[in-house]
Amino acid sequence: MKKDIKKTDNYFERNRITRQARNYRYNFVDYLYYQGERYSKKYPRSSGNMLITLYWIGFVFFPLLPFFAPHYTNILGDILVKINLTDNLHPILEVVIFLFPIFVAIALPPDLWCLLRYRKNRVAAIKHHYRQSIWKDAIPMWLLWMIPTLFDLLSLFVIYVTTKK
């Protein structure tokens, strides 16, 4: 081999991944993360974390919201009464106190999932796995973004039809 031939960083990175490959299990969430990161170069507002958060909101948070909303308002109201915050509280502050736990419930679980699961080695293994897969282009990106929205619209329609008198 000639000394003046320079290998790219990508070449060495690929060889390092191949040599130090762990047996990860890949699932649909990993595929979502890969697709989000893959399209983040083409669409700057896209990322794997954002796509996982969208699926969390669409398939977990919104379907469970009707079951927990009545209890949430009762519990929060009891807490505010016990600590004497209901008197002389500005309406905007009431809204902030009401919406902050909801925002945490929406944003925290998927962000923690991505922070704890997708470390440098796992991201490299996911990219290596799906780069070679025939399934990397199986679902178009616009459909990946629309699936949770369509699911929520369908569930709202079902709720509307079943509760209509």
N, C-alpha and C. Protein backbone atom coordinates (compact mmCIF):
# COMPACT_ATOMS: atom_id res chain seq x y z
N MET A 1 0.84 -1.17 0.00
CA MET A 1 0.00 0.00 0.00
C MET A 1 0.89 1.24 0.00
N LYS A 2 0.51 2.21 -0.78
CA LYS A 2 1.30 3.43 -0.90
C LYS A 2 1.07 4.32 0.31
N LYS A 3 2.13 5.02 0.69
CA LYS A 3 2.02 5.89 1.85
C LYS A 3 1.28 7.19 1.53
N ASP A 4 1.27 7.59 0.27
CA ASP A 4 0.63 8.86 -0.05
C ASP A 4 -0.88 8.74 -0.24
N ILE A 5 -1.43 7.55 -0.21
CA ILE A 5 -2.88 7.38 -0.32
C ILE A 5 -3.50 7.68 1.04
N LYS A 6 -4.46 8.58 1.05
CA LYS A 6 -5.11 8.95 2.30
C LYS A 6 -6.50 8.36 2.35
N LYS A 7 -6.79 7.72 3.44
CA LYS A 7 -8.13 7.17 3.66
C LYS A 7 -9.00 8.24 4.31
N THR A 8 -10.26 8.21 4.03
CA THR A 8 -11.16 9.18 4.63
C THR A 8 -11.51 8.75 6.06
N ASP A 9 -11.97 9.71 6.83
CA ASP A 9 -12.43 9.39 8.19
C ASP A 9 -13.59 8.41 8.15
N ASN A 10 -14.39 8.55 7.11
CA ASN A 10 -15.55 7.68 6.97
C ASN A 10 -15.11 6.22 6.83
N TYR A 11 -14.02 5.98 6.11
CA TYR A 11 -13.51 4.62 5.94
C TYR A 11 -13.10 4.03 7.28
N PHE A 12 -12.35 4.78 8.05
CA PHE A 12 -11.92 4.28 9.35
C PHE A 12 -13.09 4.12 10.31
N GLU A 13 -14.04 5.03 10.22
CA GLU A 13 -15.23 4.94 11.07
C GLU A 13 -16.02 3.68 10.74
N ARG A 14 -16.16 3.37 9.46
CA ARG A 14 -16.88 2.16 9.07
C ARG A 14 -16.16 0.91 9.55
N ASN A 15 -14.85 0.90 9.44
CA ASN A 15 -14.10 -0.27 9.91
C ASN A 15 -14.17 -0.41 11.42
N ARG A 16 -14.14 0.70 12.15
CA ARG A 16 -14.24 0.64 13.60
C ARG A 16 -15.61 0.10 14.02
N ILE A 17 -16.65 0.54 13.33
CA ILE A 17 -17.99 0.05 13.64
C ILE A 17 -18.09 -1.44 13.38
N THR A 18 -17.50 -1.89 12.27
CA THR A 18 -17.56 -3.30 11.94
C THR A 18 -16.79 -4.13 12.96
N ARG A 19 -15.65 -3.67 13.39
CA ARG A 19 -14.84 -4.42 14.35
C ARG A 19 -15.45 -4.43 15.75
N GLN A 20 -16.05 -3.32 16.16
CA GLN A 20 -16.57 -3.22 17.51
C GLN A 20 -18.09 -3.33 17.56
N ALA A 21 -18.66 -4.02 16.59
CA ALA A 21 -20.11 -4.11 16.52
C ALA A 21 -20.67 -4.93 17.68
N ARG A 22 -21.69 -4.39 18.32
CA ARG A 22 -22.41 -5.11 19.36
C ARG A 22 -23.68 -5.65 18.77
N ASN A 23 -24.25 -6.63 19.40
CA ASN A 23 -25.51 -7.19 18.93
C ASN A 23 -26.66 -6.39 19.50
N TYR A 24 -26.97 -5.29 18.86
CA TYR A 24 -28.12 -4.48 19.27
C TYR A 24 -29.38 -5.09 18.68
N ARG A 25 -30.46 -4.90 19.37
CA ARG A 25 -31.77 -5.23 18.81
C ARG A 25 -32.35 -3.95 18.25
N TYR A 26 -32.81 -4.01 17.04
CA TYR A 26 -33.37 -2.83 16.38
C TYR A 26 -34.88 -2.96 16.34
N ASN A 27 -35.56 -1.84 16.59
CA ASN A 27 -37.01 -1.85 16.58
C ASN A 27 -37.51 -0.65 15.78
N PHE A 28 -38.81 -0.48 15.77
CA PHE A 28 -39.41 0.59 14.97
C PHE A 28 -39.00 1.97 15.46
N VAL A 29 -38.79 2.12 16.75
CA VAL A 29 -38.37 3.42 17.30
C VAL A 29 -36.97 3.77 16.78
N ASP A 30 -36.10 2.76 16.68
CA ASP A 30 -34.77 2.99 16.10
C ASP A 30 -34.88 3.41 14.64
N TYR A 31 -35.82 2.78 13.93
CA TYR A 31 -36.05 3.15 12.52
C TYR A 31 -36.54 4.59 12.43
N LEU A 32 -37.44 4.99 13.33
CA LEU A 32 -37.92 6.37 13.34
C LEU A 32 -36.77 7.34 13.61
N TYR A 33 -35.92 7.00 14.57
CA TYR A 33 -34.78 7.85 14.89
C TYR A 33 -33.85 7.96 13.67
N TYR A 34 -33.59 6.84 13.02
CA TYR A 34 -32.71 6.86 11.85
C TYR A 34 -33.29 7.73 10.74
N GLN A 35 -34.58 7.54 10.46
CA GLN A 35 -35.19 8.33 9.39
C GLN A 35 -35.20 9.82 9.72
N GLY A 36 -35.48 10.14 10.97
CA GLY A 36 -35.47 11.55 11.37
C GLY A 36 -34.09 12.16 11.23
N GLU A 37 -33.06 11.44 11.65
CA GLU A 37 -31.69 11.94 11.52
C GLU A 37 -31.25 11.97 10.07
N ARG A 38 -31.70 11.00 9.31
CA ARG A 38 -31.34 10.95 7.89
C ARG A 38 -31.90 12.16 7.13
N TYR A 39 -33.13 12.50 7.42
CA TYR A 39 -33.75 13.62 6.72
C TYR A 39 -33.44 14.97 7.37
N SER A 40 -32.72 14.97 8.49
CA SER A 40 -32.39 16.25 9.12
C SER A 40 -31.41 17.06 8.27
N LYS A 41 -30.69 16.39 7.41
CA LYS A 41 -29.79 17.12 6.50
C LYS A 41 -30.58 17.78 5.38
N LYS A 42 -31.65 17.11 4.95
CA LYS A 42 -32.46 17.63 3.85
C LYS A 42 -33.50 18.64 4.34
N TYR A 43 -34.12 18.33 5.48
CA TYR A 43 -35.11 19.21 6.09
C TYR A 43 -34.59 19.62 7.47
N PRO A 44 -34.14 20.84 7.64
CA PRO A 44 -33.48 21.24 8.90
C PRO A 44 -34.38 21.12 10.14
N ARG A 45 -35.67 21.17 10.00
CA ARG A 45 -36.56 21.12 11.16
C ARG A 45 -36.87 19.69 11.60
N SER A 46 -36.27 18.72 10.96
CA SER A 46 -36.52 17.32 11.26
C SER A 46 -35.37 16.75 12.08
N SER A 47 -35.69 15.86 12.99
CA SER A 47 -34.66 15.13 13.73
C SER A 47 -35.28 13.85 14.26
N GLY A 48 -34.43 12.93 14.67
CA GLY A 48 -34.93 11.68 15.22
C GLY A 48 -35.70 11.90 16.50
N ASN A 49 -35.22 12.80 17.34
CA ASN A 49 -35.89 13.10 18.59
C ASN A 49 -37.28 13.69 18.33
N MET A 50 -37.39 14.56 17.36
CA MET A 50 -38.67 15.18 17.06
C MET A 50 -39.68 14.16 16.53
N LEU A 51 -39.21 13.24 15.71
CA LEU A 51 -40.10 12.22 15.17
C LEU A 51 -40.57 11.26 16.26
N ILE A 52 -39.69 10.90 17.18
CA ILE A 52 -40.08 10.03 18.30
C ILE A 52 -41.06 10.78 19.21
N THR A 53 -40.84 12.07 19.43
CA THR A 53 -41.77 12.86 20.24
C THR A 53 -43.14 12.93 19.57
N LEU A 54 -43.18 13.08 18.26
CA LEU A 54 -44.45 13.12 17.54
C LEU A 54 -45.21 11.80 17.71
N TYR A 55 -44.51 10.70 17.63
CA TYR A 55 -45.16 9.40 17.83
C TYR A 55 -45.59 9.20 19.28
N TRP A 56 -44.81 9.72 20.22
CA TRP A 56 -45.20 9.65 21.63
C TRP A 56 -46.51 10.41 21.85
N ILE A 57 -46.57 11.61 21.30
CA ILE A 57 -47.78 12.42 21.46
C ILE A 57 -48.96 11.76 20.76
N GLY A 58 -48.74 11.26 19.56
CA GLY A 58 -49.83 10.71 18.76
C GLY A 58 -50.37 9.38 19.23
N PHE A 59 -49.49 8.50 19.69
CA PHE A 59 -49.92 7.14 20.01
C PHE A 59 -50.01 6.84 21.50
N VAL A 60 -49.41 7.67 22.34
CA VAL A 60 -49.45 7.40 23.78
C VAL A 60 -50.18 8.52 24.53
N PHE A 61 -49.74 9.75 24.33
CA PHE A 61 -50.26 10.85 25.15
C PHE A 61 -51.71 11.18 24.83
N PHE A 62 -52.03 11.46 23.56
CA PHE A 62 -53.40 11.85 23.22
C PHE A 62 -54.42 10.73 23.45
N PRO A 63 -54.11 9.47 23.13
CA PRO A 63 -55.11 8.44 23.45
C PRO A 63 -55.37 8.26 24.95
N LEU A 64 -54.37 8.52 25.80
CA LEU A 64 -54.56 8.38 27.24
C LEU A 64 -55.11 9.64 27.90
N LEU A 65 -55.12 10.75 27.19
CA LEU A 65 -55.55 12.02 27.75
C LEU A 65 -56.99 12.00 28.27
N PRO A 66 -57.96 11.42 27.56
CA PRO A 66 -59.34 11.42 28.12
C PRO A 66 -59.46 10.65 29.43
N PHE A 67 -58.60 9.68 29.66
CA PHE A 67 -58.67 8.91 30.90
C PHE A 67 -58.07 9.65 32.09
N PHE A 68 -57.04 10.47 31.83
CA PHE A 68 -56.33 11.13 32.92
C PHE A 68 -56.75 12.59 33.14
N ALA A 69 -57.40 13.21 32.18
CA ALA A 69 -57.74 14.63 32.29
C ALA A 69 -58.66 14.94 33.47
N PRO A 70 -59.74 14.19 33.70
CA PRO A 70 -60.59 14.53 34.86
C PRO A 70 -59.85 14.38 36.19
N HIS A 71 -59.04 13.36 36.32
CA HIS A 71 -58.28 13.17 37.56
C HIS A 71 -57.23 14.25 37.73
N TYR A 72 -56.64 14.67 36.62
CA TYR A 72 -55.59 15.71 36.67
C TYR A 72 -56.15 17.01 37.21
N THR A 73 -57.31 17.41 36.72
CA THR A 73 -57.88 18.68 37.19
C THR A 73 -58.27 18.59 38.66
N ASN A 74 -58.81 17.45 39.09
CA ASN A 74 -59.16 17.29 40.52
C ASN A 74 -57.93 17.32 41.41
N ILE A 75 -56.89 16.59 41.01
CA ILE A 75 -55.66 16.53 41.82
C ILE A 75 -55.00 17.90 41.88
N LEU A 76 -54.88 18.57 40.73
CA LEU A 76 -54.24 19.88 40.70
C LEU A 76 -55.04 20.90 41.50
N GLY A 77 -56.37 20.84 41.39
CA GLY A 77 -57.20 21.75 42.17
C GLY A 77 -57.04 21.54 43.67
N ASP A 78 -56.98 20.27 44.10
CA ASP A 78 -56.78 19.97 45.52
C ASP A 78 -55.43 20.47 46.00
N ILE A 79 -54.40 20.31 45.19
CA ILE A 79 -53.06 20.78 45.58
C ILE A 79 -53.05 22.30 45.72
N LEU A 80 -53.66 22.99 44.76
CA LEU A 80 -53.68 24.46 44.81
C LEU A 80 -54.47 24.96 46.00
N VAL A 81 -55.54 24.27 46.37
CA VAL A 81 -56.33 24.68 47.54
C VAL A 81 -55.54 24.44 48.82
N LYS A 82 -54.84 23.32 48.90
CA LYS A 82 -54.11 23.00 50.12
C LYS A 82 -52.95 23.95 50.37
N ILE A 83 -52.32 24.42 49.33
CA ILE A 83 -51.19 25.34 49.55
C ILE A 83 -51.63 26.80 49.40
N ASN A 84 -52.94 27.02 49.34
CA ASN A 84 -53.51 28.37 49.34
C ASN A 84 -53.08 29.23 48.15
N LEU A 85 -53.05 28.63 46.97
CA LEU A 85 -52.69 29.40 45.78
C LEU A 85 -53.89 29.85 44.97
N THR A 86 -55.08 29.48 45.38
CA THR A 86 -56.25 29.85 44.58
C THR A 86 -56.66 31.30 44.78
N ASP A 87 -56.32 31.90 45.91
CA ASP A 87 -56.69 33.29 46.17
C ASP A 87 -55.61 34.23 45.63
N ASN A 88 -56.06 35.27 44.96
CA ASN A 88 -55.17 36.34 44.47
C ASN A 88 -54.08 35.83 43.53
N LEU A 89 -54.41 34.86 42.69
CA LEU A 89 -53.44 34.34 41.72
C LEU A 89 -53.79 34.92 40.35
N HIS A 90 -52.81 35.43 39.66
CA HIS A 90 -53.02 36.02 38.34
C HIS A 90 -53.48 34.93 37.37
N PRO A 91 -54.44 35.22 36.47
CA PRO A 91 -54.96 34.19 35.55
C PRO A 91 -53.88 33.58 34.65
N ILE A 92 -52.92 34.37 34.24
CA ILE A 92 -51.85 33.82 33.39
C ILE A 92 -51.01 32.83 34.19
N LEU A 93 -50.76 33.13 35.43
CA LEU A 93 -50.00 32.22 36.27
C LEU A 93 -50.78 30.93 36.52
N GLU A 94 -52.10 31.03 36.62
CA GLU A 94 -52.93 29.83 36.77
C GLU A 94 -52.80 28.93 35.54
N VAL A 95 -52.80 29.54 34.37
CA VAL A 95 -52.65 28.77 33.14
C VAL A 95 -51.28 28.11 33.07
N VAL A 96 -50.25 28.84 33.48
CA VAL A 96 -48.89 28.28 33.47
C VAL A 96 -48.80 27.11 34.44
N ILE A 97 -49.35 27.27 35.64
CA ILE A 97 -49.33 26.18 36.62
C ILE A 97 -50.12 24.97 36.11
N PHE A 98 -51.20 25.22 35.40
CA PHE A 98 -52.01 24.13 34.87
C PHE A 98 -51.30 23.41 33.71
N LEU A 99 -50.65 24.16 32.82
CA LEU A 99 -50.07 23.56 31.61
C LEU A 99 -48.65 23.02 31.78
N PHE A 100 -47.93 23.46 32.80
CA PHE A 100 -46.55 23.00 32.96
C PHE A 100 -46.43 21.48 33.14
N PRO A 101 -47.23 20.84 34.01
CA PRO A 101 -47.13 19.37 34.10
C PRO A 101 -47.53 18.66 32.80
N ILE A 102 -48.46 19.23 32.06
CA ILE A 102 -48.83 18.64 30.78
C ILE A 102 -47.67 18.73 29.80
N PHE A 103 -47.00 19.87 29.77
CA PHE A 103 -45.83 20.02 28.91
C PHE A 103 -44.73 19.04 29.30
N VAL A 104 -44.52 18.86 30.58
CA VAL A 104 -43.51 17.90 31.05
C VAL A 104 -43.88 16.49 30.63
N ALA A 105 -45.17 16.13 30.73
CA ALA A 105 -45.61 14.79 30.34
C ALA A 105 -45.47 14.57 28.84
N ILE A 106 -45.59 15.64 28.06
CA ILE A 106 -45.41 15.50 26.61
C ILE A 106 -43.94 15.41 26.24
N ALA A 107 -43.12 16.27 26.80
CA ALA A 107 -41.74 16.41 26.33
C ALA A 107 -40.73 15.52 27.03
N LEU A 108 -40.91 15.26 28.31
CA LEU A 108 -39.86 14.59 29.07
C LEU A 108 -39.62 13.13 28.68
N PRO A 109 -40.65 12.27 28.58
CA PRO A 109 -40.37 10.86 28.28
C PRO A 109 -39.63 10.62 26.96
N PRO A 110 -40.06 11.20 25.83
CA PRO A 110 -39.28 10.93 24.60
C PRO A 110 -37.89 11.56 24.63
N ASP A 111 -37.74 12.71 25.27
CA ASP A 111 -36.41 13.33 25.34
C ASP A 111 -35.47 12.49 26.20
N LEU A 112 -35.97 12.00 27.32
CA LEU A 112 -35.14 11.12 28.15
C LEU A 112 -34.81 9.82 27.42
N TRP A 113 -35.78 9.29 26.69
CA TRP A 113 -35.55 8.07 25.91
C TRP A 113 -34.40 8.28 24.93
N CYS A 114 -34.47 9.38 24.18
CA CYS A 114 -33.42 9.64 23.19
C CYS A 114 -32.08 9.95 23.86
N LEU A 115 -32.11 10.65 24.95
CA LEU A 115 -30.87 11.00 25.64
C LEU A 115 -30.18 9.76 26.20
N LEU A 116 -30.95 8.85 26.77
CA LEU A 116 -30.36 7.67 27.40
C LEU A 116 -30.07 6.54 26.41
N ARG A 117 -30.86 6.43 25.37
CA ARG A 117 -30.71 5.30 24.45
C ARG A 117 -29.73 5.59 23.31
N TYR A 118 -29.79 6.77 22.75
CA TYR A 118 -29.04 7.04 21.53
C TYR A 118 -27.72 7.73 21.84
N ARG A 119 -26.78 6.92 22.30
CA ARG A 119 -25.41 7.38 22.51
C ARG A 119 -24.65 7.24 21.20
N LYS A 120 -23.42 7.67 21.20
CA LYS A 120 -22.63 7.72 19.97
C LYS A 120 -22.49 6.34 19.31
N ASN A 121 -22.18 5.32 20.09
CA ASN A 121 -21.97 3.99 19.52
C ASN A 121 -23.27 3.41 18.99
N ARG A 122 -24.37 3.62 19.71
CA ARG A 122 -25.65 3.08 19.24
C ARG A 122 -26.11 3.80 17.98
N VAL A 123 -25.93 5.10 17.92
CA VAL A 123 -26.32 5.85 16.71
C VAL A 123 -25.50 5.36 15.52
N ALA A 124 -24.21 5.13 15.73
CA ALA A 124 -23.37 4.63 14.65
C ALA A 124 -23.82 3.24 14.21
N ALA A 125 -24.18 2.39 15.16
CA ALA A 125 -24.66 1.05 14.82
C ALA A 125 -25.99 1.11 14.08
N ILE A 126 -26.88 2.01 14.51
CA ILE A 126 -28.17 2.16 13.83
C ILE A 126 -27.97 2.65 12.40
N LYS A 127 -27.11 3.64 12.24
CA LYS A 127 -26.85 4.14 10.88
C LYS A 127 -26.24 3.05 10.01
N HIS A 128 -25.32 2.28 10.57
CA HIS A 128 -24.70 1.20 9.82
C HIS A 128 -25.73 0.13 9.46
N HIS A 129 -26.62 -0.19 10.40
CA HIS A 129 -27.64 -1.22 10.17
C HIS A 129 -28.64 -0.80 9.09
N TYR A 130 -29.18 0.40 9.21
CA TYR A 130 -30.22 0.82 8.27
C TYR A 130 -29.67 1.34 6.95
N ARG A 131 -28.42 1.73 6.91
CA ARG A 131 -27.83 2.17 5.65
C ARG A 131 -27.77 1.01 4.67
N GLN A 132 -27.58 -0.20 5.18
CA GLN A 132 -27.48 -1.38 4.33
C GLN A 132 -28.82 -2.08 4.14
N SER A 133 -29.84 -1.64 4.83
CA SER A 133 -31.13 -2.31 4.81
C SER A 133 -31.93 -1.92 3.57
N ILE A 134 -32.71 -2.87 3.08
CA ILE A 134 -33.60 -2.55 1.96
C ILE A 134 -34.82 -1.78 2.44
N TRP A 135 -35.04 -1.74 3.76
CA TRP A 135 -36.21 -1.09 4.32
C TRP A 135 -35.99 0.39 4.60
N LYS A 136 -34.82 0.91 4.31
CA LYS A 136 -34.56 2.31 4.69
C LYS A 136 -35.46 3.29 3.93
N ASP A 137 -35.92 2.92 2.76
CA ASP A 137 -36.83 3.78 2.00
C ASP A 137 -38.23 3.19 1.91
N ALA A 138 -38.55 2.27 2.81
CA ALA A 138 -39.85 1.59 2.73
C ALA A 138 -41.01 2.54 3.01
N ILE A 139 -40.86 3.40 4.00
CA ILE A 139 -41.94 4.33 4.36
C ILE A 139 -41.46 5.74 4.04
N PRO A 140 -42.17 6.45 3.17
CA PRO A 140 -41.74 7.82 2.85
C PRO A 140 -41.83 8.74 4.08
N MET A 141 -41.01 9.76 4.06
CA MET A 141 -40.93 10.65 5.23
C MET A 141 -42.24 11.38 5.49
N TRP A 142 -42.93 11.82 4.46
CA TRP A 142 -44.19 12.53 4.68
C TRP A 142 -45.21 11.62 5.34
N LEU A 143 -45.16 10.31 5.03
CA LEU A 143 -46.10 9.39 5.67
C LEU A 143 -45.71 9.13 7.12
N LEU A 144 -44.40 9.10 7.41
CA LEU A 144 -43.97 8.96 8.80
C LEU A 144 -44.46 10.11 9.65
N TRP A 145 -44.50 11.31 9.08
CA TRP A 145 -44.99 12.48 9.82
C TRP A 145 -46.51 12.48 9.92
N MET A 146 -47.21 11.87 8.96
CA MET A 146 -48.68 11.94 8.95
C MET A 146 -49.35 10.82 9.73
N ILE A 147 -48.68 9.70 9.95
CA ILE A 147 -49.32 8.55 10.61
C ILE A 147 -49.89 8.91 11.99
N PRO A 148 -49.14 9.56 12.89
CA PRO A 148 -49.75 9.90 14.20
C PRO A 148 -50.91 10.87 14.07
N THR A 149 -50.81 11.81 13.15
CA THR A 149 -51.88 12.78 12.95
C THR A 149 -53.15 12.08 12.46
N LEU A 150 -53.00 11.20 11.49
CA LEU A 150 -54.15 10.46 10.97
C LEU A 150 -54.75 9.56 12.05
N PHE A 151 -53.91 8.95 12.87
CA PHE A 151 -54.40 8.12 13.97
C PHE A 151 -55.22 8.94 14.95
N ASP A 152 -54.74 10.13 15.29
CA ASP A 152 -55.47 10.99 16.23
C ASP A 152 -56.78 11.47 15.63
N LEU A 153 -56.78 11.82 14.36
CA LEU A 153 -58.03 12.23 13.71
C LEU A 153 -59.03 11.09 13.67
N LEU A 154 -58.56 9.88 13.39
CA LEU A 154 -59.43 8.71 13.38
C LEU A 154 -60.00 8.44 14.77
N SER A 155 -59.16 8.56 15.79
CA SER A 155 -59.66 8.31 17.16
C SER A 155 -60.66 9.40 17.57
N LEU A 156 -60.42 10.65 17.18
CA LEU A 156 -61.40 11.70 17.48
C LEU A 156 -62.72 11.44 16.76
N PHE A 157 -62.65 10.95 15.53
CA PHE A 157 -63.86 10.63 14.79
C PHE A 157 -64.62 9.49 15.46
N VAL A 158 -63.90 8.47 15.91
CA VAL A 158 -64.55 7.35 16.60
C VAL A 158 -65.20 7.81 17.89
N ILE A 159 -64.52 8.67 18.64
CA ILE A 159 -65.10 9.20 19.88
C ILE A 159 -66.33 10.02 19.56
N TYR A 160 -66.28 10.83 18.50
CA TYR A 160 -67.43 11.65 18.12
C TYR A 160 -68.63 10.78 17.73
N VAL A 161 -68.37 9.74 16.93
CA VAL A 161 -69.46 8.88 16.47
C VAL A 161 -70.06 8.09 17.63
N THR A 162 -69.22 7.59 18.51
CA THR A 162 -69.74 6.77 19.61
C THR A 162 -70.46 7.57 20.69
N THR A 163 -70.12 8.85 20.84
CA THR A 163 -70.77 9.66 21.88
C THR A 163 -71.91 10.51 21.32
N LYS A 164 -72.13 10.48 20.02
CA LYS A 164 -73.21 11.27 19.42
C LYS A 164 -74.57 10.68 19.83
N LYS A 165 -75.46 11.59 20.21
CA LYS A 165 -76.79 11.15 20.67
C LYS A 165 -77.80 11.20 19.58
